[in-house]
PDB file of N, CA and C in Angstrom:
ATOM      1  N   UNK A   1       3.550   5.093 -24.642  1.00  0.00           N
ATOM      2  CA  UNK A   1       2.263   5.625 -24.254  1.00  0.00           C
ATOM      3  C   UNK A   1       2.146   7.066 -24.707  1.00  0.00           C
ATOM      4  N   UNK A   2       0.965   7.457 -25.004  1.00  0.00           N
ATOM      5  CA  UNK A   2       0.706   8.816 -25.441  1.00  0.00           C
ATOM      6  C   UNK A   2       0.513   9.709 -24.227  1.00  0.00           C
ATOM      7  N   UNK A   3       1.462  10.569 -23.934  1.00  0.00           N
ATOM      8  CA  UNK A   3       1.426  11.363 -22.716  1.00  0.00           C
ATOM      9  C   UNK A   3       0.307  12.392 -22.715  1.00  0.00           C
ATOM     10  N   UNK A   4      -0.220  12.742 -23.870  1.00  0.00           N
ATOM     11  CA  UNK A   4      -1.297  13.730 -23.930  1.00  0.00           C
ATOM     12  C   UNK A   4      -2.640  13.122 -23.557  1.00  0.00           C
ATOM     13  N   UNK A   5      -2.752  11.823 -23.619  1.00  0.00           N
ATOM     14  CA  UNK A   5      -4.022  11.153 -23.380  1.00  0.00           C
ATOM     15  C   UNK A   5      -4.004  10.391 -22.071  1.00  0.00           C
ATOM     16  N   UNK A   6      -3.996  11.120 -20.947  1.00  0.00           N
ATOM     17  CA  UNK A   6      -3.994  10.483 -19.644  1.00  0.00           C
ATOM     18  C   UNK A   6      -5.378  10.000 -19.282  1.00  0.00           C
ATOM     19  N   UNK A   7      -5.418   9.005 -18.404  1.00  0.00           N
ATOM     20  CA  UNK A   7      -6.706   8.510 -17.944  1.00  0.00           C
ATOM     21  C   UNK A   7      -6.613   8.007 -16.527  1.00  0.00           C
ATOM     22  N   UNK A   8      -7.759   7.944 -15.899  1.00  0.00           N
ATOM     23  CA  UNK A   8      -7.904   7.350 -14.579  1.00  0.00           C
ATOM     24  C   UNK A   8      -8.564   6.000 -14.781  1.00  0.00           C
ATOM     25  N   UNK A   9      -8.052   4.989 -14.103  1.00  0.00           N
ATOM     26  CA  UNK A   9      -8.548   3.636 -14.263  1.00  0.00           C
ATOM     27  C   UNK A   9      -9.248   3.168 -12.994  1.00  0.00           C
ATOM     28  N   UNK A  10     -10.434   2.594 -13.165  1.00  0.00           N
ATOM     29  CA  UNK A  10     -11.168   1.976 -12.065  1.00  0.00           C
ATOM     30  C   UNK A  10     -11.156   0.471 -12.310  1.00  0.00           C
ATOM     31  N   UNK A  11     -10.546  -0.283 -11.385  1.00  0.00           N
ATOM     32  CA  UNK A  11     -10.455  -1.736 -11.515  1.00  0.00           C
ATOM     33  C   UNK A  11     -11.360  -2.355 -10.455  1.00  0.00           C
ATOM     34  N   UNK A  12     -12.286  -3.183 -10.895  1.00  0.00           N
ATOM     35  CA  UNK A  12     -13.177  -3.862  -9.964  1.00  0.00           C
ATOM     36  C   UNK A  12     -13.761  -5.095 -10.646  1.00  0.00           C
ATOM     37  N   UNK A  13     -14.031  -6.124  -9.871  1.00  0.00           N
ATOM     38  CA  UNK A  13     -14.638  -7.330 -10.421  1.00  0.00           C
ATOM     39  C   UNK A  13     -16.113  -7.132 -10.723  1.00  0.00           C
ATOM     40  N   UNK A  14     -16.782  -6.237  -9.999  1.00  0.00           N
ATOM     41  CA  UNK A  14     -18.201  -5.939 -10.195  1.00  0.00           C
ATOM     42  C   UNK A  14     -18.328  -4.734 -11.131  1.00  0.00           C
ATOM     43  N   UNK A  15     -18.794  -4.973 -12.347  1.00  0.00           N
ATOM     44  CA  UNK A  15     -18.871  -3.914 -13.359  1.00  0.00           C
ATOM     45  C   UNK A  15     -19.800  -2.785 -12.936  1.00  0.00           C
ATOM     46  N   UNK A  16     -20.893  -3.106 -12.274  1.00  0.00           N
ATOM     47  CA  UNK A  16     -21.846  -2.082 -11.842  1.00  0.00           C
ATOM     48  C   UNK A  16     -21.209  -1.121 -10.837  1.00  0.00           C
ATOM     49  N   UNK A  17     -20.498  -1.668  -9.862  1.00  0.00           N
ATOM     50  CA  UNK A  17     -19.829  -0.831  -8.863  1.00  0.00           C
ATOM     51  C   UNK A  17     -18.730   0.006  -9.522  1.00  0.00           C
ATOM     52  N   UNK A  18     -18.019  -0.568 -10.482  1.00  0.00           N
ATOM     53  CA  UNK A  18     -16.979   0.165 -11.200  1.00  0.00           C
ATOM     54  C   UNK A  18     -17.593   1.328 -11.982  1.00  0.00           C
ATOM     55  N   UNK A  19     -18.720   1.096 -12.620  1.00  0.00           N
ATOM     56  CA  UNK A  19     -19.389   2.161 -13.371  1.00  0.00           C
ATOM     57  C   UNK A  19     -19.862   3.281 -12.450  1.00  0.00           C
ATOM     58  N   UNK A  20     -20.353   2.922 -11.260  1.00  0.00           N
ATOM     59  CA  UNK A  20     -20.790   3.947 -10.304  1.00  0.00           C
ATOM     60  C   UNK A  20     -19.629   4.835  -9.883  1.00  0.00           C
ATOM     61  N   UNK A  21     -18.479   4.230  -9.584  1.00  0.00           N
ATOM     62  CA  UNK A  21     -17.315   5.010  -9.203  1.00  0.00           C
ATOM     63  C   UNK A  21     -16.810   5.843 -10.379  1.00  0.00           C
ATOM     64  N   UNK A  22     -16.858   5.288 -11.565  1.00  0.00           N
ATOM     65  CA  UNK A  22     -16.448   6.023 -12.773  1.00  0.00           C
ATOM     66  C   UNK A  22     -17.283   7.284 -12.936  1.00  0.00           C
ATOM     67  N   UNK A  23     -18.602   7.172 -12.753  1.00  0.00           N
ATOM     68  CA  UNK A  23     -19.479   8.339 -12.875  1.00  0.00           C
ATOM     69  C   UNK A  23     -19.149   9.395 -11.829  1.00  0.00           C
ATOM     70  N   UNK A  24     -18.833   8.976 -10.611  1.00  0.00           N
ATOM     71  CA  UNK A  24     -18.475   9.916  -9.554  1.00  0.00           C
ATOM     72  C   UNK A  24     -17.194  10.653  -9.903  1.00  0.00           C
ATOM     73  N   UNK A  25     -16.198   9.940 -10.394  1.00  0.00           N
ATOM     74  CA  UNK A  25     -14.923  10.567 -10.762  1.00  0.00           C
ATOM     75  C   UNK A  25     -15.130  11.528 -11.929  1.00  0.00           C
ATOM     76  N   UNK A  26     -15.916  11.134 -12.905  1.00  0.00           N
ATOM     77  CA  UNK A  26     -16.184  12.012 -14.050  1.00  0.00           C
ATOM     78  C   UNK A  26     -16.940  13.260 -13.615  1.00  0.00           C
ATOM     79  N   UNK A  27     -17.800  13.123 -12.623  1.00  0.00           N
ATOM     80  CA  UNK A  27     -18.568  14.260 -12.099  1.00  0.00           C
ATOM     81  C   UNK A  27     -17.624  15.332 -11.551  1.00  0.00           C
ATOM     82  N   UNK A  28     -16.470  14.930 -11.067  1.00  0.00           N
ATOM     83  CA  UNK A  28     -15.492  15.868 -10.515  1.00  0.00           C
ATOM     84  C   UNK A  28     -14.569  16.423 -11.601  1.00  0.00           C
ATOM     85  N   UNK A  29     -15.010  16.377 -12.846  1.00  0.00           N
ATOM     86  CA  UNK A  29     -14.271  16.911 -13.995  1.00  0.00           C
ATOM     87  C   UNK A  29     -12.892  16.291 -14.178  1.00  0.00           C
ATOM     88  N   UNK A  30     -12.806  15.010 -13.909  1.00  0.00           N
ATOM     89  CA  UNK A  30     -11.548  14.289 -14.123  1.00  0.00           C
ATOM     90  C   UNK A  30     -11.356  14.057 -15.617  1.00  0.00           C
ATOM     91  N   UNK A  31     -10.115  13.817 -16.010  1.00  0.00           N
ATOM     92  CA  UNK A  31      -9.892  13.457 -17.410  1.00  0.00           C
ATOM     93  C   UNK A  31     -10.556  12.121 -17.711  1.00  0.00           C
ATOM     94  N   UNK A  32     -10.309  11.595 -18.834  1.00  0.00           N
ATOM     95  CA  UNK A  32     -10.902  10.335 -19.272  1.00  0.00           C
ATOM     96  C   UNK A  32     -10.811   9.282 -18.169  1.00  0.00           C
ATOM     97  N   UNK A  33     -11.933   8.591 -17.915  1.00  0.00           N
ATOM     98  CA  UNK A  33     -11.993   7.534 -16.903  1.00  0.00           C
ATOM     99  C   UNK A  33     -12.406   6.242 -17.592  1.00  0.00           C
ATOM    100  N   UNK A  34     -11.752   5.162 -17.238  1.00  0.00           N
ATOM    101  CA  UNK A  34     -11.978   3.861 -17.852  1.00  0.00           C
ATOM    102  C   UNK A  34     -12.200   2.827 -16.758  1.00  0.00           C
ATOM    103  N   UNK A  35     -13.084   1.855 -16.999  1.00  0.00           N
ATOM    104  CA  UNK A  35     -13.260   0.748 -16.056  1.00  0.00           C
ATOM    105  C   UNK A  35     -12.685  -0.528 -16.659  1.00  0.00           C
ATOM    106  N   UNK A  36     -12.266  -1.422 -15.769  1.00  0.00           N
ATOM    107  CA  UNK A  36     -11.691  -2.689 -16.211  1.00  0.00           C
ATOM    108  C   UNK A  36     -11.784  -3.701 -15.083  1.00  0.00           C
ATOM    109  N   UNK A  37     -11.603  -4.954 -15.446  1.00  0.00           N
ATOM    110  CA  UNK A  37     -11.493  -6.015 -14.451  1.00  0.00           C
ATOM    111  C   UNK A  37     -10.014  -6.203 -14.147  1.00  0.00           C
ATOM    112  N   UNK A  38      -9.698  -6.918 -13.063  1.00  0.00           N
ATOM    113  CA  UNK A  38      -8.282  -7.155 -12.762  1.00  0.00           C
ATOM    114  C   UNK A  38      -7.538  -7.860 -13.894  1.00  0.00           C
ATOM    115  N   UNK A  39      -8.230  -8.648 -14.675  1.00  0.00           N
ATOM    116  CA  UNK A  39      -7.580  -9.399 -15.735  1.00  0.00           C
ATOM    117  C   UNK A  39      -7.391  -8.664 -17.044  1.00  0.00           C
ATOM    118  N   UNK A  40      -8.101  -7.542 -17.255  1.00  0.00           N
ATOM    119  CA  UNK A  40      -7.992  -6.885 -18.565  1.00  0.00           C
ATOM    120  C   UNK A  40      -7.599  -5.416 -18.511  1.00  0.00           C
ATOM    121  N   UNK A  41      -7.166  -4.930 -17.366  1.00  0.00           N
ATOM    122  CA  UNK A  41      -6.909  -3.499 -17.245  1.00  0.00           C
ATOM    123  C   UNK A  41      -5.809  -3.020 -18.186  1.00  0.00           C
ATOM    124  N   UNK A  42      -4.787  -3.828 -18.421  1.00  0.00           N
ATOM    125  CA  UNK A  42      -3.698  -3.382 -19.290  1.00  0.00           C
ATOM    126  C   UNK A  42      -4.166  -3.212 -20.733  1.00  0.00           C
ATOM    127  N   UNK A  43      -5.079  -4.070 -21.179  1.00  0.00           N
ATOM    128  CA  UNK A  43      -5.633  -3.924 -22.525  1.00  0.00           C
ATOM    129  C   UNK A  43      -6.518  -2.680 -22.600  1.00  0.00           C
ATOM    130  N   UNK A  44      -7.227  -2.386 -21.527  1.00  0.00           N
ATOM    131  CA  UNK A  44      -8.143  -1.245 -21.516  1.00  0.00           C
ATOM    132  C   UNK A  44      -7.415   0.094 -21.584  1.00  0.00           C
ATOM    133  N   UNK A  45      -6.229   0.202 -20.985  1.00  0.00           N
ATOM    134  CA  UNK A  45      -5.546   1.498 -21.010  1.00  0.00           C
ATOM    135  C   UNK A  45      -4.868   1.753 -22.348  1.00  0.00           C
ATOM    136  N   UNK A  46      -4.537   0.706 -23.065  1.00  0.00           N
ATOM    137  CA  UNK A  46      -3.932   0.880 -24.384  1.00  0.00           C
ATOM    138  C   UNK A  46      -2.697   1.761 -24.326  1.00  0.00           C
ATOM    139  N   UNK A  47      -2.682   2.818 -25.141  1.00  0.00           N
ATOM    140  CA  UNK A  47      -1.539   3.728 -25.218  1.00  0.00           C
ATOM    141  C   UNK A  47      -1.700   4.962 -24.348  1.00  0.00           C
ATOM    142  N   UNK A  48      -2.725   4.995 -23.526  1.00  0.00           N
ATOM    143  CA  UNK A  48      -2.947   6.158 -22.664  1.00  0.00           C
ATOM    144  C   UNK A  48      -1.942   6.184 -21.510  1.00  0.00           C
ATOM    145  N   UNK A  49      -1.694   7.386 -21.027  1.00  0.00           N
ATOM    146  CA  UNK A  49      -0.849   7.557 -19.841  1.00  0.00           C
ATOM    147  C   UNK A  49      -1.747   7.395 -18.619  1.00  0.00           C
ATOM    148  N   UNK A  50      -1.407   6.495 -17.753  1.00  0.00           N
ATOM    149  CA  UNK A  50      -2.188   6.214 -16.557  1.00  0.00           C
ATOM    150  C   UNK A  50      -1.899   7.278 -15.512  1.00  0.00           C
ATOM    151  N   UNK A  51      -2.941   8.009 -15.079  1.00  0.00           N
ATOM    152  CA  UNK A  51      -2.769   9.076 -14.090  1.00  0.00           C
ATOM    153  C   UNK A  51      -3.047   8.602 -12.674  1.00  0.00           C
ATOM    154  N   UNK A  52      -3.984   7.663 -12.514  1.00  0.00           N
ATOM    155  CA  UNK A  52      -4.318   7.128 -11.192  1.00  0.00           C
ATOM    156  C   UNK A  52      -5.113   5.847 -11.378  1.00  0.00           C
ATOM    157  N   UNK A  53      -5.079   5.007 -10.344  1.00  0.00           N
ATOM    158  CA  UNK A  53      -5.820   3.751 -10.362  1.00  0.00           C
ATOM    159  C   UNK A  53      -6.656   3.669  -9.084  1.00  0.00           C
ATOM    160  N   UNK A  54      -7.921   3.361  -9.246  1.00  0.00           N
ATOM    161  CA  UNK A  54      -8.813   3.082  -8.125  1.00  0.00           C
ATOM    162  C   UNK A  54      -9.097   1.587  -8.158  1.00  0.00           C
ATOM    163  N   UNK A  55      -8.806   0.897  -7.056  1.00  0.00           N
ATOM    164  CA  UNK A  55      -9.058  -0.537  -6.965  1.00  0.00           C
ATOM    165  C   UNK A  55     -10.280  -0.721  -6.073  1.00  0.00           C
ATOM    166  N   UNK A  56     -11.343  -1.289  -6.651  1.00  0.00           N
ATOM    167  CA  UNK A  56     -12.609  -1.432  -5.952  1.00  0.00           C
ATOM    168  C   UNK A  56     -12.614  -2.528  -4.908  1.00  0.00           C
ATOM    169  N   UNK A  57     -13.686  -2.562  -4.121  1.00  0.00           N
ATOM    170  CA  UNK A  57     -13.777  -3.504  -3.012  1.00  0.00           C
ATOM    171  C   UNK A  57     -14.048  -4.947  -3.425  1.00  0.00           C
ATOM    172  N   UNK A  58     -14.382  -5.180  -4.673  1.00  0.00           N
ATOM    173  CA  UNK A  58     -14.728  -6.523  -5.132  1.00  0.00           C
ATOM    174  C   UNK A  58     -13.563  -7.244  -5.805  1.00  0.00           C
ATOM    175  N   UNK A  59     -12.351  -6.782  -5.546  1.00  0.00           N
ATOM    176  CA  UNK A  59     -11.161  -7.408  -6.115  1.00  0.00           C
ATOM    177  C   UNK A  59     -10.524  -8.266  -5.026  1.00  0.00           C
ATOM    178  N   UNK A  60     -10.269  -9.545  -5.357  1.00  0.00           N
ATOM    179  CA  UNK A  60      -9.706 -10.424  -4.329  1.00  0.00           C
ATOM    180  C   UNK A  60      -8.230 -10.101  -4.091  1.00  0.00           C
ATOM    181  N   UNK A  61      -7.720 -10.587  -2.984  1.00  0.00           N
ATOM    182  CA  UNK A  61      -6.375 -10.222  -2.528  1.00  0.00           C
ATOM    183  C   UNK A  61      -5.288 -10.546  -3.551  1.00  0.00           C
ATOM    184  N   UNK A  62      -5.360 -11.698  -4.192  1.00  0.00           N
ATOM    185  CA  UNK A  62      -4.347 -12.058  -5.197  1.00  0.00           C
ATOM    186  C   UNK A  62      -4.362 -11.086  -6.364  1.00  0.00           C
ATOM    187  N   UNK A  63      -5.564 -10.707  -6.815  1.00  0.00           N
ATOM    188  CA  UNK A  63      -5.669  -9.755  -7.923  1.00  0.00           C
ATOM    189  C   UNK A  63      -5.196  -8.366  -7.507  1.00  0.00           C
ATOM    190  N   UNK A  64      -5.460  -7.979  -6.253  1.00  0.00           N
ATOM    191  CA  UNK A  64      -4.972  -6.684  -5.763  1.00  0.00           C
ATOM    192  C   UNK A  64      -3.453  -6.641  -5.863  1.00  0.00           C
ATOM    193  N   UNK A  65      -2.804  -7.687  -5.367  1.00  0.00           N
ATOM    194  CA  UNK A  65      -1.340  -7.729  -5.419  1.00  0.00           C
ATOM    195  C   UNK A  65      -0.836  -7.675  -6.858  1.00  0.00           C
ATOM    196  N   UNK A  66      -1.487  -8.394  -7.753  1.00  0.00           N
ATOM    197  CA  UNK A  66      -1.062  -8.405  -9.160  1.00  0.00           C
ATOM    198  C   UNK A  66      -1.212  -7.026  -9.788  1.00  0.00           C
ATOM    199  N   UNK A  67      -2.347  -6.371  -9.561  1.00  0.00           N
ATOM    200  CA  UNK A  67      -2.571  -5.032 -10.136  1.00  0.00           C
ATOM    201  C   UNK A  67      -1.559  -4.035  -9.584  1.00  0.00           C
ATOM    202  N   UNK A  68      -1.386  -4.017  -8.266  1.00  0.00           N
ATOM    203  CA  UNK A  68      -0.447  -3.072  -7.646  1.00  0.00           C
ATOM    204  C   UNK A  68       0.973  -3.321  -8.146  1.00  0.00           C
ATOM    205  N   UNK A  69       1.381  -4.572  -8.220  1.00  0.00           N
ATOM    206  CA  UNK A  69       2.726  -4.882  -8.719  1.00  0.00           C
ATOM    207  C   UNK A  69       2.900  -4.453 -10.172  1.00  0.00           C
ATOM    208  N   UNK A  70       1.905  -4.743 -11.012  1.00  0.00           N
ATOM    209  CA  UNK A  70       2.005  -4.395 -12.434  1.00  0.00           C
ATOM    210  C   UNK A  70       2.002  -2.883 -12.643  1.00  0.00           C
ATOM    211  N   UNK A  71       1.167  -2.172 -11.908  1.00  0.00           N
ATOM    212  CA  UNK A  71       1.149  -0.707 -12.010  1.00  0.00           C
ATOM    213  C   UNK A  71       2.491  -0.151 -11.544  1.00  0.00           C
ATOM    214  N   UNK A  72       3.031  -0.699 -10.469  1.00  0.00           N
ATOM    215  CA  UNK A  72       4.332  -0.252  -9.973  1.00  0.00           C
ATOM    216  C   UNK A  72       5.449  -0.462 -10.978  1.00  0.00           C
ATOM    217  N   UNK A  73       5.393  -1.560 -11.716  1.00  0.00           N
ATOM    218  CA  UNK A  73       6.396  -1.795 -12.763  1.00  0.00           C
ATOM    219  C   UNK A  73       6.209  -0.826 -13.929  1.00  0.00           C
ATOM    220  N   UNK A  74       4.958  -0.480 -14.208  1.00  0.00           N
ATOM    221  CA  UNK A  74       4.674   0.462 -15.288  1.00  0.00           C
ATOM    222  C   UNK A  74       5.207   1.851 -14.931  1.00  0.00           C
ATOM    223  N   UNK A  75       4.903   2.301 -13.724  1.00  0.00           N
ATOM    224  CA  UNK A  75       5.381   3.596 -13.221  1.00  0.00           C
ATOM    225  C   UNK A  75       5.149   3.616 -11.717  1.00  0.00           C
ATOM    226  N   UNK A  76       6.201   3.608 -10.920  1.00  0.00           N
ATOM    227  CA  UNK A  76       6.033   3.561  -9.464  1.00  0.00           C
ATOM    228  C   UNK A  76       5.429   4.834  -8.875  1.00  0.00           C
ATOM    229  N   UNK A  77       5.255   5.873  -9.674  1.00  0.00           N
ATOM    230  CA  UNK A  77       4.702   7.134  -9.188  1.00  0.00           C
ATOM    231  C   UNK A  77       3.204   7.284  -9.434  1.00  0.00           C
ATOM    232  N   UNK A  78       2.566   6.285 -10.023  1.00  0.00           N
ATOM    233  CA  UNK A  78       1.128   6.348 -10.276  1.00  0.00           C
ATOM    234  C   UNK A  78       0.395   6.137  -8.953  1.00  0.00           C
ATOM    235  N   UNK A  79      -0.476   7.079  -8.572  1.00  0.00           N
ATOM    236  CA  UNK A  79      -1.232   6.906  -7.329  1.00  0.00           C
ATOM    237  C   UNK A  79      -2.235   5.756  -7.453  1.00  0.00           C
ATOM    238  N   UNK A  80      -2.334   4.961  -6.393  1.00  0.00           N
ATOM    239  CA  UNK A  80      -3.292   3.861  -6.331  1.00  0.00           C
ATOM    240  C   UNK A  80      -4.175   4.077  -5.116  1.00  0.00           C
ATOM    241  N   UNK A  81      -5.483   4.111  -5.335  1.00  0.00           N
ATOM    242  CA  UNK A  81      -6.450   4.304  -4.265  1.00  0.00           C
ATOM    243  C   UNK A  81      -7.174   2.986  -4.054  1.00  0.00           C
ATOM    244  N   UNK A  82      -7.100   2.473  -2.827  1.00  0.00           N
ATOM    245  CA  UNK A  82      -7.774   1.228  -2.484  1.00  0.00           C
ATOM    246  C   UNK A  82      -9.113   1.573  -1.833  1.00  0.00           C
ATOM    247  N   UNK A  83     -10.192   0.989  -2.344  1.00  0.00           N
ATOM    248  CA  UNK A  83     -11.520   1.248  -1.805  1.00  0.00           C
ATOM    249  C   UNK A  83     -11.983  -0.006  -1.076  1.00  0.00           C
ATOM    250  N   UNK A  84     -12.225   0.135   0.228  1.00  0.00           N
ATOM    251  CA  UNK A  84     -12.648  -1.002   1.041  1.00  0.00           C
ATOM    252  C   UNK A  84     -14.153  -1.161   1.025  1.00  0.00           C
ATOM    253  N   UNK A  85     -14.588  -2.311   1.498  1.00  0.00           N
ATOM    254  CA  UNK A  85     -16.022  -2.569   1.613  1.00  0.00           C
ATOM    255  C   UNK A  85     -16.580  -1.785   2.782  1.00  0.00           C
ATOM    256  N   UNK A  86     -17.802  -1.360   2.638  1.00  0.00           N
ATOM    257  CA  UNK A  86     -18.479  -0.628   3.703  1.00  0.00           C
ATOM    258  C   UNK A  86     -18.917  -1.591   4.799  1.00  0.00           C
ATOM    259  N   UNK A  87     -18.744  -1.178   6.044  1.00  0.00           N
ATOM    260  CA  UNK A  87     -19.168  -1.991   7.178  1.00  0.00           C
ATOM    261  C   UNK A  87     -20.636  -1.760   7.529  1.00  0.00           C
ATOM    262  N   UNK A  88     -21.270  -0.777   6.902  1.00  0.00           N
ATOM    263  CA  UNK A  88     -22.662  -0.483   7.226  1.00  0.00           C
ATOM    264  C   UNK A  88     -23.585  -1.524   6.608  1.00  0.00           C
ATOM    265  N   UNK A  89     -24.715  -1.722   7.233  1.00  0.00           N
ATOM    266  CA  UNK A  89     -25.671  -2.716   6.727  1.00  0.00           C
ATOM    267  C   UNK A  89     -26.875  -2.041   6.142  1.00  0.00           C
TER     268      UNK A  89
END
């Protein structure tokens, strides 16, 4: 991986929600931010160094476990932020 090209990854099954979170993270002057689905996140990061992962509320439990396990194997020190569904109506 190219250590100079770090990125933050947003993983979510709903592309619209992932894009909204991506825009919020970019607004805070974060480095490169990328969105992906649970099934294609590894292809999306390519040779970039993963700095953090945000897992959206639209990812099912099996996919959450797979993403967390795979990220942990890649580097156990990568922060993972889990975003839950809002209880408000």
